[in-house]
Amino acid sequence: MASDVNYLQSSVGSPWNPTTMGRGNCSSLQKMFSFPLAVSEASHDEWTVRQILVHLGLFSGIKRLRADVTEFHTRQDIVLTDLEITSFYSRRPDGVAFDDKNKHFIFLEFTRPMDSVTSSQEGDWAETKELEKNMRYGMHIYFINHLGALHGRPWN
C-alpha cells in the first residue's frame, strides 16, 4: 500500500504539494528540486538538521551551531539543556528536497497506514498526524530561515 506524502512548507504562502501536481509536470519538478537523500528507488538516507545546514552552506562548526541554536531559542524565551540543543540539530526528517537555484527547501514526512493506529474514534487521524508533523519541524524550519537571513544566505 502506498504511503500518503505529507510535507512541511519552508516559508509563508501556498505549500508545494506533489500529490496535486499533474503527471506532465513530474519531469520539470525533478529538474527543479533535487532529492539527495534518495539513494535508490527503494532506499533513502535521513539527514540530520546539521547535515541539511551543511548542504545549505549555513554550517560553520559545531560550536557555532550550538551557540546559534541557544541564541535562537533564548530570543523566544526558551531555555534548552545541552541534551536538548544536541537533539534539536540531530532531528531527522524523512526527506528533504532542495531547489538550489531559487533557494527553496521542503521537509518531507511520510504517513504510513500504521500511523493511523493512534487515530481518534472520530477518524481525524490524518489531520492529527499533519499537525504533529508541523509542530515537530516548525521550529527547525524557522531556525533555518533565521540562520540563512543572519548569514545573508536566505533559504525559504
Protein backbone atom coordinates (compact mmCIF):
# COMPACT_ATOMS: atom_id res chain seq x y z
CA MET A 1 0.00 0.00 0.00
CA ALA A 2 1.42 3.38 -0.97
CA SER A 3 2.23 5.97 1.66
CA ASP A 4 0.49 9.32 1.70
CA VAL A 5 3.04 12.07 1.17
CA ASN A 6 2.85 14.84 3.72
CA TYR A 7 5.11 17.82 3.64
CA LEU A 8 6.13 20.82 5.63
CA GLN A 9 6.44 24.13 3.92
CA SER A 10 9.57 26.14 4.45
CA SER A 11 8.03 29.59 4.10
CA VAL A 12 4.79 31.54 4.20
CA GLY A 13 2.38 31.08 1.30
CA SER A 14 0.86 28.17 -0.54
CA PRO A 15 2.63 24.91 0.14
CA TRP A 16 4.03 22.79 -2.65
CA ASN A 17 2.06 19.57 -2.69
CA PRO A 18 3.38 16.86 -5.02
CA THR A 19 0.06 14.99 -4.92
CA THR A 20 -1.74 17.86 -6.67
CA MET A 21 0.74 18.25 -9.49
CA GLY A 22 -0.22 16.87 -12.90
CA ARG A 23 1.68 13.89 -14.22
CA GLY A 24 3.10 16.01 -17.03
CA ASN A 25 4.87 18.25 -14.50
CA CYS A 26 6.89 15.49 -12.84
CA SER A 27 9.99 15.81 -15.01
CA SER A 28 10.11 19.58 -14.59
CA LEU A 29 9.75 19.18 -10.80
CA GLN A 30 12.55 16.64 -10.76
CA LYS A 31 14.78 19.12 -12.58
CA MET A 32 13.78 21.93 -10.23
CA PHE A 33 14.15 20.02 -6.95
CA SER A 34 16.97 17.69 -6.01
CA PHE A 35 16.46 14.85 -3.57
CA PRO A 36 19.97 14.00 -2.34
CA LEU A 37 18.61 11.62 0.27
CA ALA A 38 17.19 9.29 -2.37
CA VAL A 39 19.96 6.71 -2.63
CA SER A 40 17.93 4.47 -4.96
CA GLU A 41 14.30 3.89 -5.86
CA ALA A 42 13.98 1.60 -2.84
CA SER A 43 16.24 3.31 -0.31
CA HIS A 44 16.97 6.72 1.15
CA ASP A 45 19.15 8.31 3.79
CA GLU A 46 17.84 10.55 6.53
CA TRP A 47 19.97 13.63 7.10
CA THR A 48 20.09 15.43 10.40
CA VAL A 49 19.28 19.13 10.57
CA ARG A 50 23.05 19.70 10.92
CA GLN A 51 23.69 17.84 7.64
CA ILE A 52 20.95 19.87 5.95
CA LEU A 53 22.63 23.06 7.19
CA VAL A 54 25.92 21.86 5.66
CA HIS A 55 24.18 21.36 2.31
CA LEU A 56 22.63 24.84 2.54
CA GLY A 57 26.02 26.40 3.30
CA LEU A 58 24.86 27.51 6.75
CA PHE A 59 27.11 25.33 8.92
CA SER A 60 30.30 26.85 10.26
CA GLY A 61 31.26 24.40 13.00
CA ILE A 62 29.60 22.60 15.88
CA LYS A 63 30.41 25.27 18.50
CA ARG A 64 28.88 27.99 16.32
CA LEU A 65 25.83 25.81 15.63
CA ARG A 66 25.28 25.17 19.34
CA ALA A 67 25.58 28.90 20.03
CA ASP A 68 23.14 29.72 17.20
CA VAL A 69 20.60 27.16 18.46
CA THR A 70 20.91 28.53 22.00
CA GLU A 71 20.58 32.16 20.90
CA PHE A 72 17.64 31.36 18.61
CA HIS A 73 15.70 29.73 21.43
CA THR A 74 16.73 32.33 24.03
CA ARG A 75 15.20 35.08 21.84
CA GLN A 76 11.93 33.20 22.22
CA ASP A 77 12.34 32.82 25.99
CA ILE A 78 13.10 29.11 25.65
CA VAL A 79 15.97 27.68 27.65
CA LEU A 80 17.43 24.41 26.37
CA THR A 81 19.65 21.91 28.16
CA ASP A 82 22.79 20.63 26.42
CA LEU A 83 20.93 17.44 25.52
CA GLU A 84 18.02 19.41 24.02
CA ILE A 85 20.44 21.50 21.94
CA THR A 86 22.02 18.35 20.53
CA SER A 87 18.59 16.81 19.96
CA PHE A 88 17.46 19.92 18.07
CA TYR A 89 20.16 19.73 15.39
CA SER A 90 20.14 15.91 15.35
CA ARG A 91 16.48 15.61 14.33
CA ARG A 92 16.00 13.68 11.06
CA PRO A 93 13.07 14.44 8.76
CA ASP A 94 12.09 11.56 6.46
CA GLY A 95 13.39 13.51 3.50
CA VAL A 96 14.21 16.92 2.14
CA ALA A 97 14.02 18.46 -1.33
CA PHE A 98 16.18 21.36 -2.50
CA ASP A 99 15.73 23.91 -5.26
CA ASP A 100 19.25 25.34 -5.22
CA LYS A 101 18.53 27.86 -7.98
CA ASN A 102 15.60 29.55 -6.18
CA LYS A 103 16.86 28.77 -2.65
CA HIS A 104 13.85 26.71 -1.55
CA PHE A 105 13.83 23.64 0.63
CA ILE A 106 10.99 21.37 1.70
CA PHE A 107 10.98 18.91 4.57
CA LEU A 108 9.18 15.70 3.64
CA GLU A 109 7.38 13.48 6.10
CA PHE A 110 5.58 10.30 5.14
CA THR A 111 2.48 8.91 6.79
CA ARG A 112 2.27 5.16 6.67
CA PRO A 113 -1.01 3.31 7.15
CA MET A 114 0.14 2.05 10.56
CA ASP A 115 0.36 5.68 11.74
CA SER A 116 -3.44 5.60 11.84
CA VAL A 117 -3.39 3.19 14.80
CA THR A 118 -3.36 6.17 17.17
CA SER A 119 -6.28 7.85 15.42
CA SER A 120 -9.29 9.01 17.33
CA GLN A 121 -12.74 7.49 17.12
CA GLU A 122 -13.84 10.46 15.01
CA GLY A 123 -11.47 9.34 12.24
CA ASP A 124 -9.44 12.56 12.04
CA TRP A 125 -6.10 10.75 12.18
CA ALA A 126 -4.75 12.40 9.02
CA GLU A 127 -5.35 15.90 10.36
CA THR A 128 -3.87 14.94 13.72
CA LYS A 129 -0.75 13.47 12.10
CA GLU A 130 -0.32 16.54 9.88
CA LEU A 131 -0.45 18.83 12.93
CA GLU A 132 2.05 16.64 14.80
CA LYS A 133 4.49 16.83 11.89
CA ASN A 134 4.12 20.57 11.52
CA MET A 135 4.79 21.02 15.24
CA ARG A 136 7.73 18.60 15.14
CA TYR A 137 9.63 20.51 12.45
CA GLY A 138 8.17 24.03 12.55
CA MET A 139 10.92 25.39 14.81
CA HIS A 140 13.61 23.75 12.67
CA ILE A 141 12.30 25.42 9.51
CA TYR A 142 12.04 28.74 11.33
CA PHE A 143 15.62 28.25 12.61
CA ILE A 144 16.97 27.53 9.10
CA ASN A 145 15.19 30.60 7.72
CA HIS A 146 16.57 32.69 10.61
CA LEU A 147 20.11 31.36 10.17
CA GLY A 148 20.02 31.96 6.41
CA ALA A 149 18.89 35.56 6.90
CA LEU A 150 21.51 36.07 9.61
CA HIS A 151 24.31 34.94 7.30
CA GLY A 152 22.96 36.75 4.23
CA ARG A 153 22.19 33.43 2.50
CA PRO A 154 18.41 33.18 2.74
CA TRP A 155 16.65 29.90 2.07
CA ASN A 156 12.93 29.51 2.34
